[in-house]
Amino acid sequence: MAEQLSKPEDEVLDVVDEHDRVVGRARRGEVYARGLRHRCVFVLARDGEGRIFVHRRTAHKLVFPSRYDMFVGGVLGAGETYDEAALREAEEELGVSGLPAPTPLFRFLYEGAGGSWWSAVYEVRCDLAVSPQVTEVAWHAFLSEGELEAALGVWEWVPDGLEAFARLLELRRGEGAAPRCG
């Protein structure tokens, strides 16, 4: 499980290679500073009406501060599985407990602004009243797909989330062959 420390930069992460194999461990601050490849989860959380949880990250986030995101999620702690991290991150960020296990959709290697990390994309239904984690979420709302699409060209989004969302849309439209989790 993720090591709980007072500072996010002190959390120990697995460092992985281009094939998602663990090659070492380092503190998050070092991982970011040195651009080491690590692991993240992205969880698309929908409410009972099918709306998507969208939020703006807080200004003190280590990566992509104050940007909008259509996923909840984050880094995997050392030794943590993607499935464990997806549930933990979704519950923490939404401020709920008792979510069903998020459904794995696909994985991809993100290489872009901010660095490089293996990314596992999940989806979960959240019928619970959310109380987002104030250290992570500055603003939030559940948006319809139409409202989200309208905001895509207007708001400043996290680049890894945009790539994950584009891949998810391609997969759903049958236009691409996003790699499946497994």
N, C-alpha and C. Protein backbone atom coordinates (compact mmCIF):
# COMPACT_ATOMS: atom_id res chain seq x y z
N MET A 1 0.84 -1.19 0.00
CA MET A 1 0.00 0.00 0.00
C MET A 1 0.88 1.24 0.00
N ALA A 2 0.27 2.34 -0.39
CA ALA A 2 1.00 3.60 -0.43
C ALA A 2 1.41 4.00 0.98
N GLU A 3 2.64 4.44 1.09
CA GLU A 3 3.16 4.88 2.38
C GLU A 3 2.57 6.25 2.70
N GLN A 4 1.91 6.37 3.85
CA GLN A 4 1.27 7.62 4.24
C GLN A 4 2.27 8.49 4.99
N LEU A 5 2.65 9.59 4.39
CA LEU A 5 3.59 10.53 4.99
C LEU A 5 2.97 11.91 4.98
N SER A 6 3.55 12.82 5.74
CA SER A 6 2.98 14.15 5.85
C SER A 6 3.16 14.96 4.56
N LYS A 7 4.19 14.69 3.79
CA LYS A 7 4.45 15.44 2.56
C LYS A 7 4.35 14.50 1.36
N PRO A 8 3.58 14.89 0.34
CA PRO A 8 3.48 14.03 -0.86
C PRO A 8 4.82 13.70 -1.48
N GLU A 9 5.77 14.65 -1.45
CA GLU A 9 7.07 14.42 -2.09
C GLU A 9 7.90 13.34 -1.38
N ASP A 10 7.49 12.97 -0.16
CA ASP A 10 8.22 11.93 0.58
C ASP A 10 7.69 10.51 0.34
N GLU A 11 6.54 10.39 -0.32
CA GLU A 11 5.96 9.08 -0.59
C GLU A 11 6.91 8.27 -1.48
N VAL A 12 7.12 6.99 -1.16
CA VAL A 12 8.00 6.13 -1.94
C VAL A 12 7.20 5.47 -3.06
N LEU A 13 7.75 5.57 -4.28
CA LEU A 13 7.10 5.03 -5.47
C LEU A 13 7.99 3.97 -6.12
N ASP A 14 7.36 3.06 -6.84
CA ASP A 14 8.11 2.15 -7.69
C ASP A 14 8.53 2.91 -8.94
N VAL A 15 9.77 2.72 -9.36
CA VAL A 15 10.27 3.25 -10.62
C VAL A 15 10.21 2.09 -11.60
N VAL A 16 9.67 2.34 -12.82
CA VAL A 16 9.46 1.26 -13.78
C VAL A 16 10.14 1.59 -15.11
N ASP A 17 10.32 0.54 -15.91
CA ASP A 17 10.93 0.72 -17.23
C ASP A 17 9.85 0.90 -18.29
N GLU A 18 10.26 0.92 -19.55
CA GLU A 18 9.32 1.12 -20.65
C GLU A 18 8.34 -0.02 -20.83
N HIS A 19 8.58 -1.16 -20.15
CA HIS A 19 7.67 -2.31 -20.21
C HIS A 19 6.87 -2.46 -18.92
N ASP A 20 6.90 -1.45 -18.06
CA ASP A 20 6.16 -1.43 -16.79
C ASP A 20 6.68 -2.46 -15.79
N ARG A 21 7.97 -2.73 -15.86
CA ARG A 21 8.60 -3.62 -14.88
C ARG A 21 9.32 -2.76 -13.84
N VAL A 22 9.19 -3.12 -12.57
CA VAL A 22 9.82 -2.37 -11.49
C VAL A 22 11.34 -2.52 -11.57
N VAL A 23 12.03 -1.37 -11.57
CA VAL A 23 13.49 -1.38 -11.65
C VAL A 23 14.12 -0.69 -10.44
N GLY A 24 13.28 -0.16 -9.54
CA GLY A 24 13.80 0.50 -8.36
C GLY A 24 12.69 1.21 -7.60
N ARG A 25 13.12 1.93 -6.58
CA ARG A 25 12.19 2.74 -5.78
C ARG A 25 12.84 4.07 -5.46
N ALA A 26 12.00 5.10 -5.35
CA ALA A 26 12.51 6.43 -5.00
C ALA A 26 11.36 7.25 -4.41
N ARG A 27 11.73 8.27 -3.68
CA ARG A 27 10.72 9.19 -3.14
C ARG A 27 10.12 10.00 -4.30
N ARG A 28 8.84 10.34 -4.15
CA ARG A 28 8.12 11.04 -5.21
C ARG A 28 8.85 12.31 -5.65
N GLY A 29 9.37 13.09 -4.73
CA GLY A 29 10.09 14.31 -5.08
C GLY A 29 11.26 14.03 -6.01
N GLU A 30 12.01 12.95 -5.73
CA GLU A 30 13.13 12.57 -6.58
C GLU A 30 12.64 12.06 -7.93
N VAL A 31 11.55 11.27 -7.92
CA VAL A 31 10.98 10.75 -9.16
C VAL A 31 10.64 11.91 -10.09
N TYR A 32 9.96 12.93 -9.56
CA TYR A 32 9.58 14.09 -10.37
C TYR A 32 10.80 14.89 -10.80
N ALA A 33 11.72 15.16 -9.88
CA ALA A 33 12.89 15.98 -10.18
C ALA A 33 13.77 15.34 -11.25
N ARG A 34 13.91 14.02 -11.21
CA ARG A 34 14.78 13.31 -12.16
C ARG A 34 14.04 12.78 -13.37
N GLY A 35 12.71 12.97 -13.40
CA GLY A 35 11.93 12.49 -14.55
C GLY A 35 11.90 10.98 -14.66
N LEU A 36 11.86 10.29 -13.51
CA LEU A 36 11.84 8.82 -13.52
C LEU A 36 10.44 8.31 -13.85
N ARG A 37 10.39 7.25 -14.62
CA ARG A 37 9.11 6.66 -15.01
C ARG A 37 8.49 5.94 -13.81
N HIS A 38 7.21 6.15 -13.60
CA HIS A 38 6.50 5.54 -12.47
C HIS A 38 5.10 5.11 -12.93
N ARG A 39 4.18 4.91 -12.01
CA ARG A 39 2.84 4.41 -12.33
C ARG A 39 1.77 5.32 -11.77
N CYS A 40 0.68 5.49 -12.55
CA CYS A 40 -0.47 6.29 -12.12
C CYS A 40 -1.77 5.58 -12.50
N VAL A 41 -2.83 5.95 -11.79
CA VAL A 41 -4.17 5.48 -12.16
C VAL A 41 -5.04 6.69 -12.47
N PHE A 42 -5.96 6.49 -13.38
CA PHE A 42 -6.95 7.48 -13.78
C PHE A 42 -8.32 6.82 -13.65
N VAL A 43 -9.20 7.37 -12.83
CA VAL A 43 -10.51 6.77 -12.61
C VAL A 43 -11.58 7.78 -13.03
N LEU A 44 -12.36 7.40 -14.05
CA LEU A 44 -13.49 8.21 -14.48
C LEU A 44 -14.66 7.85 -13.56
N ALA A 45 -15.07 8.80 -12.74
CA ALA A 45 -16.15 8.56 -11.78
C ALA A 45 -17.44 9.17 -12.30
N ARG A 46 -18.46 8.33 -12.42
CA ARG A 46 -19.78 8.78 -12.89
C ARG A 46 -20.78 8.64 -11.75
N ASP A 47 -21.73 9.57 -11.72
CA ASP A 47 -22.81 9.45 -10.74
C ASP A 47 -23.94 8.59 -11.33
N GLY A 48 -25.02 8.43 -10.59
CA GLY A 48 -26.14 7.60 -11.02
C GLY A 48 -26.82 8.08 -12.29
N GLU A 49 -26.62 9.36 -12.65
CA GLU A 49 -27.19 9.91 -13.87
C GLU A 49 -26.22 9.82 -15.04
N GLY A 50 -25.05 9.24 -14.81
CA GLY A 50 -24.05 9.09 -15.86
C GLY A 50 -23.15 10.30 -16.04
N ARG A 51 -23.32 11.31 -15.19
CA ARG A 51 -22.47 12.50 -15.29
C ARG A 51 -21.07 12.18 -14.76
N ILE A 52 -20.10 12.92 -15.26
CA ILE A 52 -18.69 12.68 -14.94
C ILE A 52 -18.21 13.68 -13.90
N PHE A 53 -17.52 13.17 -12.88
CA PHE A 53 -16.92 14.03 -11.86
C PHE A 53 -15.74 14.77 -12.47
N VAL A 54 -15.81 16.09 -12.46
CA VAL A 54 -14.76 16.95 -12.99
C VAL A 54 -14.31 17.86 -11.86
N HIS A 55 -13.02 18.11 -11.79
CA HIS A 55 -12.52 18.98 -10.72
C HIS A 55 -11.33 19.80 -11.19
N ARG A 56 -11.06 20.86 -10.42
CA ARG A 56 -9.84 21.64 -10.62
C ARG A 56 -8.90 21.29 -9.48
N ARG A 57 -7.69 20.98 -9.82
CA ARG A 57 -6.68 20.62 -8.83
C ARG A 57 -6.29 21.83 -8.00
N THR A 58 -5.83 21.59 -6.80
CA THR A 58 -5.40 22.70 -5.95
C THR A 58 -4.11 23.31 -6.50
N ALA A 59 -3.84 24.53 -6.08
CA ALA A 59 -2.67 25.27 -6.56
C ALA A 59 -1.34 24.70 -6.05
N HIS A 60 -1.38 23.89 -5.00
CA HIS A 60 -0.12 23.37 -4.45
C HIS A 60 0.21 21.96 -4.92
N LYS A 61 -0.54 21.43 -5.89
CA LYS A 61 -0.21 20.10 -6.42
C LYS A 61 1.20 20.13 -7.02
N LEU A 62 1.92 19.01 -6.90
CA LEU A 62 3.29 18.94 -7.41
C LEU A 62 3.34 18.93 -8.94
N VAL A 63 2.32 18.35 -9.57
CA VAL A 63 2.26 18.27 -11.02
C VAL A 63 0.93 18.86 -11.49
N PHE A 64 0.98 19.71 -12.48
CA PHE A 64 -0.20 20.34 -13.09
C PHE A 64 -1.12 21.03 -12.07
N PRO A 65 -0.57 21.92 -11.24
CA PRO A 65 -1.40 22.63 -10.27
C PRO A 65 -2.46 23.50 -10.95
N SER A 66 -3.61 23.60 -10.30
CA SER A 66 -4.73 24.47 -10.71
C SER A 66 -5.32 24.13 -12.07
N ARG A 67 -5.04 22.97 -12.59
CA ARG A 67 -5.63 22.57 -13.87
C ARG A 67 -6.84 21.68 -13.63
N TYR A 68 -7.69 21.61 -14.62
CA TYR A 68 -8.90 20.78 -14.55
C TYR A 68 -8.58 19.34 -14.93
N ASP A 69 -9.38 18.43 -14.38
CA ASP A 69 -9.18 17.00 -14.62
C ASP A 69 -10.53 16.31 -14.62
N MET A 70 -10.73 15.39 -15.56
CA MET A 70 -11.96 14.60 -15.62
C MET A 70 -11.76 13.23 -14.99
N PHE A 71 -10.61 13.01 -14.40
CA PHE A 71 -10.32 11.77 -13.70
C PHE A 71 -9.93 12.08 -12.26
N VAL A 72 -10.24 11.16 -11.37
CA VAL A 72 -9.62 11.16 -10.05
C VAL A 72 -8.52 10.11 -10.13
N GLY A 73 -7.53 10.24 -9.29
CA GLY A 73 -6.46 9.26 -9.34
C GLY A 73 -5.16 9.84 -8.87
N GLY A 74 -4.11 9.15 -9.20
CA GLY A 74 -2.80 9.59 -8.78
C GLY A 74 -1.77 8.49 -8.90
N VAL A 75 -0.66 8.69 -8.21
CA VAL A 75 0.45 7.75 -8.30
C VAL A 75 0.20 6.50 -7.45
N LEU A 76 0.84 5.41 -7.87
CA LEU A 76 0.84 4.18 -7.08
C LEU A 76 2.00 4.25 -6.11
N GLY A 77 1.74 3.88 -4.88
CA GLY A 77 2.82 3.77 -3.91
C GLY A 77 3.64 2.53 -4.18
N ALA A 78 4.81 2.45 -3.60
CA ALA A 78 5.69 1.29 -3.78
C ALA A 78 4.97 0.01 -3.39
N GLY A 79 4.97 -0.97 -4.27
CA GLY A 79 4.35 -2.26 -4.01
C GLY A 79 2.85 -2.31 -4.20
N GLU A 80 2.23 -1.18 -4.50
CA GLU A 80 0.77 -1.13 -4.66
C GLU A 80 0.38 -1.58 -6.07
N THR A 81 -0.73 -2.30 -6.20
CA THR A 81 -1.22 -2.71 -7.51
C THR A 81 -2.07 -1.59 -8.11
N TYR A 82 -2.26 -1.65 -9.41
CA TYR A 82 -3.12 -0.69 -10.08
C TYR A 82 -4.54 -0.74 -9.48
N ASP A 83 -5.07 -1.94 -9.30
CA ASP A 83 -6.43 -2.08 -8.76
C ASP A 83 -6.55 -1.48 -7.36
N GLU A 84 -5.57 -1.73 -6.51
CA GLU A 84 -5.58 -1.16 -5.16
C GLU A 84 -5.54 0.36 -5.21
N ALA A 85 -4.66 0.89 -6.05
CA ALA A 85 -4.51 2.34 -6.15
C ALA A 85 -5.76 2.99 -6.72
N ALA A 86 -6.40 2.34 -7.69
CA ALA A 86 -7.61 2.92 -8.29
C ALA A 86 -8.70 3.11 -7.24
N LEU A 87 -8.94 2.09 -6.44
CA LEU A 87 -9.97 2.20 -5.40
C LEU A 87 -9.55 3.21 -4.33
N ARG A 88 -8.31 3.14 -3.86
CA ARG A 88 -7.83 4.05 -2.82
C ARG A 88 -7.92 5.50 -3.30
N GLU A 89 -7.40 5.77 -4.47
CA GLU A 89 -7.39 7.14 -4.98
C GLU A 89 -8.80 7.66 -5.21
N ALA A 90 -9.69 6.83 -5.76
CA ALA A 90 -11.07 7.27 -6.00
C ALA A 90 -11.76 7.61 -4.69
N GLU A 91 -11.62 6.75 -3.69
CA GLU A 91 -12.27 7.01 -2.40
C GLU A 91 -11.67 8.24 -1.72
N GLU A 92 -10.34 8.36 -1.76
CA GLU A 92 -9.69 9.51 -1.12
C GLU A 92 -10.10 10.82 -1.78
N GLU A 93 -9.99 10.87 -3.10
CA GLU A 93 -10.23 12.12 -3.80
C GLU A 93 -11.71 12.53 -3.78
N LEU A 94 -12.60 11.54 -3.86
CA LEU A 94 -14.04 11.83 -3.81
C LEU A 94 -14.52 12.05 -2.38
N GLY A 95 -13.74 11.57 -1.40
CA GLY A 95 -14.12 11.71 0.00
C GLY A 95 -15.25 10.78 0.38
N VAL A 96 -15.18 9.54 -0.11
CA VAL A 96 -16.21 8.55 0.18
C VAL A 96 -15.55 7.25 0.61
N SER A 97 -16.35 6.34 1.14
CA SER A 97 -15.88 4.98 1.37
C SER A 97 -17.00 4.04 0.96
N GLY A 98 -16.62 2.84 0.54
CA GLY A 98 -17.60 1.87 0.12
C GLY A 98 -17.88 1.86 -1.37
N LEU A 99 -16.99 2.45 -2.18
CA LEU A 99 -17.16 2.39 -3.63
C LEU A 99 -16.98 0.95 -4.11
N PRO A 100 -17.68 0.58 -5.18
CA PRO A 100 -17.37 -0.72 -5.80
C PRO A 100 -15.98 -0.66 -6.42
N ALA A 101 -15.39 -1.79 -6.66
CA ALA A 101 -14.06 -1.81 -7.30
C ALA A 101 -14.17 -1.17 -8.68
N PRO A 102 -13.31 -0.21 -8.98
CA PRO A 102 -13.33 0.39 -10.32
C PRO A 102 -13.02 -0.67 -11.39
N THR A 103 -13.64 -0.50 -12.55
CA THR A 103 -13.47 -1.42 -13.67
C THR A 103 -12.26 -1.01 -14.49
N PRO A 104 -11.27 -1.91 -14.65
CA PRO A 104 -10.11 -1.56 -15.48
C PRO A 104 -10.51 -1.53 -16.96
N LEU A 105 -10.02 -0.50 -17.68
CA LEU A 105 -10.35 -0.35 -19.09
C LEU A 105 -9.15 -0.59 -20.00
N PHE A 106 -8.03 0.10 -19.74
CA PHE A 106 -6.82 -0.09 -20.54
C PHE A 106 -5.64 0.59 -19.85
N ARG A 107 -4.46 0.31 -20.36
CA ARG A 107 -3.22 0.95 -19.89
C ARG A 107 -2.49 1.54 -21.08
N PHE A 108 -1.73 2.58 -20.80
CA PHE A 108 -0.88 3.16 -21.84
C PHE A 108 0.30 3.86 -21.18
N LEU A 109 1.34 4.05 -21.96
CA LEU A 109 2.51 4.76 -21.49
C LEU A 109 2.36 6.22 -21.89
N TYR A 110 2.19 7.09 -20.89
CA TYR A 110 2.10 8.52 -21.14
C TYR A 110 3.52 9.06 -21.23
N GLU A 111 3.79 9.81 -22.29
CA GLU A 111 5.07 10.49 -22.44
C GLU A 111 4.78 11.88 -22.97
N GLY A 112 4.90 12.86 -22.10
CA GLY A 112 4.56 14.21 -22.51
C GLY A 112 4.91 15.21 -21.44
N ALA A 113 4.14 16.30 -21.40
CA ALA A 113 4.37 17.35 -20.41
C ALA A 113 4.36 16.74 -19.02
N GLY A 114 5.36 17.04 -18.23
CA GLY A 114 5.43 16.54 -16.86
C GLY A 114 6.25 15.27 -16.71
N GLY A 115 6.50 14.54 -17.80
CA GLY A 115 7.32 13.33 -17.68
C GLY A 115 6.73 12.13 -18.39
N SER A 116 7.00 10.97 -17.82
CA SER A 116 6.59 9.70 -18.41
C SER A 116 6.10 8.77 -17.31
N TRP A 117 4.92 8.18 -17.49
CA TRP A 117 4.41 7.23 -16.51
C TRP A 117 3.43 6.27 -17.16
N TRP A 118 3.45 5.04 -16.64
CA TRP A 118 2.46 4.06 -17.04
C TRP A 118 1.14 4.46 -16.40
N SER A 119 0.11 4.42 -17.20
CA SER A 119 -1.20 4.94 -16.81
C SER A 119 -2.26 3.87 -17.00
N ALA A 120 -2.97 3.54 -15.93
CA ALA A 120 -4.07 2.58 -16.00
C ALA A 120 -5.37 3.35 -15.85
N VAL A 121 -6.27 3.18 -16.82
CA VAL A 121 -7.53 3.90 -16.85
C VAL A 121 -8.65 2.98 -16.38
N TYR A 122 -9.47 3.52 -15.48
CA TYR A 122 -10.57 2.79 -14.86
C TYR A 122 -11.84 3.62 -14.95
N GLU A 123 -12.96 2.97 -14.64
CA GLU A 123 -14.23 3.67 -14.51
C GLU A 123 -14.94 3.12 -13.28
N VAL A 124 -15.68 4.01 -12.58
CA VAL A 124 -16.43 3.60 -11.40
C VAL A 124 -17.72 4.41 -11.32
N ARG A 125 -18.75 3.79 -10.80
CA ARG A 125 -20.00 4.50 -10.53
C ARG A 125 -20.01 4.88 -9.06
N CYS A 126 -20.31 6.15 -8.81
CA CYS A 126 -20.34 6.66 -7.44
C CYS A 126 -21.74 7.22 -7.17
N ASP A 127 -22.54 6.46 -6.46
CA ASP A 127 -23.87 6.90 -6.09
C ASP A 127 -23.88 7.55 -4.70
N LEU A 128 -22.72 7.71 -4.12
CA LEU A 128 -22.59 8.30 -2.79
C LEU A 128 -22.45 9.81 -2.88
N ALA A 129 -22.83 10.50 -1.82
CA ALA A 129 -22.60 11.94 -1.76
C ALA A 129 -21.10 12.17 -1.59
N VAL A 130 -20.52 12.94 -2.50
CA VAL A 130 -19.08 13.17 -2.45
C VAL A 130 -18.74 14.34 -1.54
N SER A 131 -17.57 14.24 -0.95
CA SER A 131 -17.01 15.31 -0.13
C SER A 131 -15.52 15.35 -0.46
N PRO A 132 -15.19 15.93 -1.63
CA PRO A 132 -13.82 15.85 -2.15
C PRO A 132 -12.75 16.32 -1.18
N GLN A 133 -11.61 15.67 -1.31
CA GLN A 133 -10.44 15.92 -0.47
C GLN A 133 -9.94 17.35 -0.74
N VAL A 134 -10.01 18.22 0.26
CA VAL A 134 -9.67 19.64 0.06
C VAL A 134 -8.20 19.85 -0.28
N THR A 135 -7.34 18.93 0.08
CA THR A 135 -5.93 19.06 -0.28
C THR A 135 -5.68 18.74 -1.75
N GLU A 136 -6.66 18.11 -2.41
CA GLU A 136 -6.51 17.71 -3.80
C GLU A 136 -7.42 18.50 -4.75
N VAL A 137 -8.62 18.88 -4.27
CA VAL A 137 -9.67 19.39 -5.13
C VAL A 137 -10.06 20.81 -4.71
N ALA A 138 -9.88 21.78 -5.63
CA ALA A 138 -10.24 23.17 -5.35
C ALA A 138 -11.69 23.47 -5.75
N TRP A 139 -12.21 22.77 -6.75
CA TRP A 139 -13.57 22.94 -7.25
C TRP A 139 -13.99 21.62 -7.86
N HIS A 140 -15.29 21.32 -7.84
CA HIS A 140 -15.77 20.09 -8.47
C HIS A 140 -17.23 20.22 -8.87
N ALA A 141 -17.62 19.36 -9.82
CA ALA A 141 -19.01 19.24 -10.24
C ALA A 141 -19.13 17.95 -11.04
N PHE A 142 -20.34 17.42 -11.10
CA PHE A 142 -20.63 16.32 -12.01
C PHE A 142 -21.18 16.95 -13.28
N LEU A 143 -20.52 16.71 -14.42
CA LEU A 143 -20.92 17.29 -15.70
C LEU A 143 -21.42 16.21 -16.65
N SER A 144 -22.39 16.57 -17.47
CA SER A 144 -22.82 15.67 -18.53
C SER A 144 -21.68 15.58 -19.55
N GLU A 145 -21.73 14.57 -20.41
CA GLU A 145 -20.69 14.46 -21.43
C GLU A 145 -20.68 15.69 -22.33
N GLY A 146 -21.85 16.24 -22.64
CA GLY A 146 -21.92 17.45 -23.46
C GLY A 146 -21.28 18.64 -22.78
N GLU A 147 -21.55 18.81 -21.49
CA GLU A 147 -20.94 19.91 -20.73
C GLU A 147 -19.42 19.75 -20.67
N LEU A 148 -18.96 18.51 -20.49
CA LEU A 148 -17.52 18.25 -20.45
C LEU A 148 -16.89 18.55 -21.80
N GLU A 149 -17.50 18.08 -22.88
CA GLU A 149 -16.95 18.35 -24.21
C GLU A 149 -16.88 19.84 -24.49
N ALA A 150 -17.89 20.62 -24.04
CA ALA A 150 -17.88 22.07 -24.25
C ALA A 150 -16.74 22.73 -23.49
N ALA A 151 -16.37 22.20 -22.34
CA ALA A 151 -15.31 22.77 -21.52
C ALA A 151 -13.91 22.37 -22.00
N LEU A 152 -13.81 21.34 -22.84
CA LEU A 152 -12.50 20.85 -23.26
C LEU A 152 -11.66 21.93 -23.95
N GLY A 153 -12.26 22.74 -24.77
CA GLY A 153 -11.50 23.76 -25.48
C GLY A 153 -11.39 25.08 -24.74
N VAL A 154 -11.96 25.15 -23.54
CA VAL A 154 -12.01 26.41 -22.81
C VAL A 154 -11.12 26.37 -21.56
N TRP A 155 -11.25 25.34 -20.77
CA TRP A 155 -10.51 25.24 -19.51
C TRP A 155 -9.11 24.68 -19.76
N GLU A 156 -8.20 24.96 -18.84
CA GLU A 156 -6.84 24.43 -18.92
C GLU A 156 -6.82 23.06 -18.21
N TRP A 157 -6.61 22.00 -18.98
CA TRP A 157 -6.71 20.62 -18.49
C TRP A 157 -5.33 20.01 -18.26
N VAL A 158 -5.29 18.99 -17.41
CA VAL A 158 -4.05 18.23 -17.23
C VAL A 158 -3.79 17.47 -18.53
N PRO A 159 -2.56 17.51 -19.06
CA PRO A 159 -2.31 16.87 -20.35
C PRO A 159 -2.42 15.35 -20.32
N ASP A 160 -2.04 14.72 -19.21
CA ASP A 160 -2.15 13.26 -19.15
C ASP A 160 -3.61 12.84 -19.11
N GLY A 161 -4.45 13.59 -18.41
CA GLY A 161 -5.88 13.30 -18.38
C GLY A 161 -6.52 13.49 -19.74
N LEU A 162 -6.11 14.54 -20.46
CA LEU A 162 -6.63 14.74 -21.82
C LEU A 162 -6.28 13.57 -22.72
N GLU A 163 -5.04 13.08 -22.61
CA GLU A 163 -4.65 11.94 -23.44
C GLU A 163 -5.44 10.70 -23.06
N ALA A 164 -5.60 10.46 -21.76
CA ALA A 164 -6.37 9.29 -21.31
C ALA A 164 -7.82 9.39 -21.78
N PHE A 165 -8.40 10.59 -21.71
CA PHE A 165 -9.78 10.77 -22.12
C PHE A 165 -9.93 10.56 -23.63
N ALA A 166 -8.99 11.08 -24.42
CA ALA A 166 -9.03 10.89 -25.87
C ALA A 166 -8.93 9.40 -26.21
N ARG A 167 -8.06 8.68 -25.53
CA ARG A 167 -7.94 7.24 -25.77
C ARG A 167 -9.22 6.50 -25.38
N LEU A 168 -9.84 6.94 -24.28
CA LEU A 168 -11.09 6.32 -23.86
C LEU A 168 -12.18 6.56 -24.90
N LEU A 169 -12.28 7.78 -25.41
CA LEU A 169 -13.27 8.07 -26.44
C LEU A 169 -13.03 7.24 -27.70
N GLU A 170 -11.77 7.11 -28.10
CA GLU A 170 -11.42 6.29 -29.26
C GLU A 170 -11.85 4.84 -29.04
N LEU A 171 -11.57 4.33 -27.86
CA LEU A 171 -11.94 2.96 -27.53
C LEU A 171 -13.46 2.78 -27.60
N ARG A 172 -14.19 3.72 -27.02
CA ARG A 172 -15.65 3.64 -26.99
C ARG A 172 -16.25 3.77 -28.38
N ARG A 173 -15.61 4.55 -29.23
CA ARG A 173 -16.11 4.75 -30.60
C ARG A 173 -15.64 3.65 -31.54
N GLY A 174 -14.76 2.78 -31.05
CA GLY A 174 -14.26 1.70 -31.89
C GLY A 174 -13.28 2.16 -32.94
N GLU A 175 -12.70 3.38 -32.75
CA GLU A 175 -11.78 3.93 -33.74
C GLU A 175 -10.35 3.49 -33.53
N GLY A 176 -10.07 2.99 -32.36
CA GLY A 176 -8.70 2.63 -32.07
C GLY A 176 -8.64 1.37 -31.24
N ALA A 177 -7.50 0.86 -31.11
CA ALA A 177 -7.33 -0.35 -30.33
C ALA A 177 -6.48 -0.02 -29.12
N ALA A 178 -7.09 0.62 -28.16
CA ALA A 178 -6.37 0.90 -26.91
C ALA A 178 -6.06 -0.41 -26.23
N PRO A 179 -4.85 -0.58 -25.72
CA PRO A 179 -4.51 -1.84 -25.05
C PRO A 179 -5.40 -2.07 -23.84
N ARG A 180 -5.86 -3.28 -23.69
CA ARG A 180 -6.73 -3.64 -22.57
C ARG A 180 -5.89 -3.98 -21.36
N CYS A 181 -6.45 -3.74 -20.19
CA CYS A 181 -5.79 -4.18 -18.96
C CYS A 181 -5.84 -5.69 -18.91
N GLY A 182 -4.91 -6.25 -18.24
CA GLY A 182 -4.99 -7.69 -18.11
C GLY A 182 -3.75 -8.22 -17.64
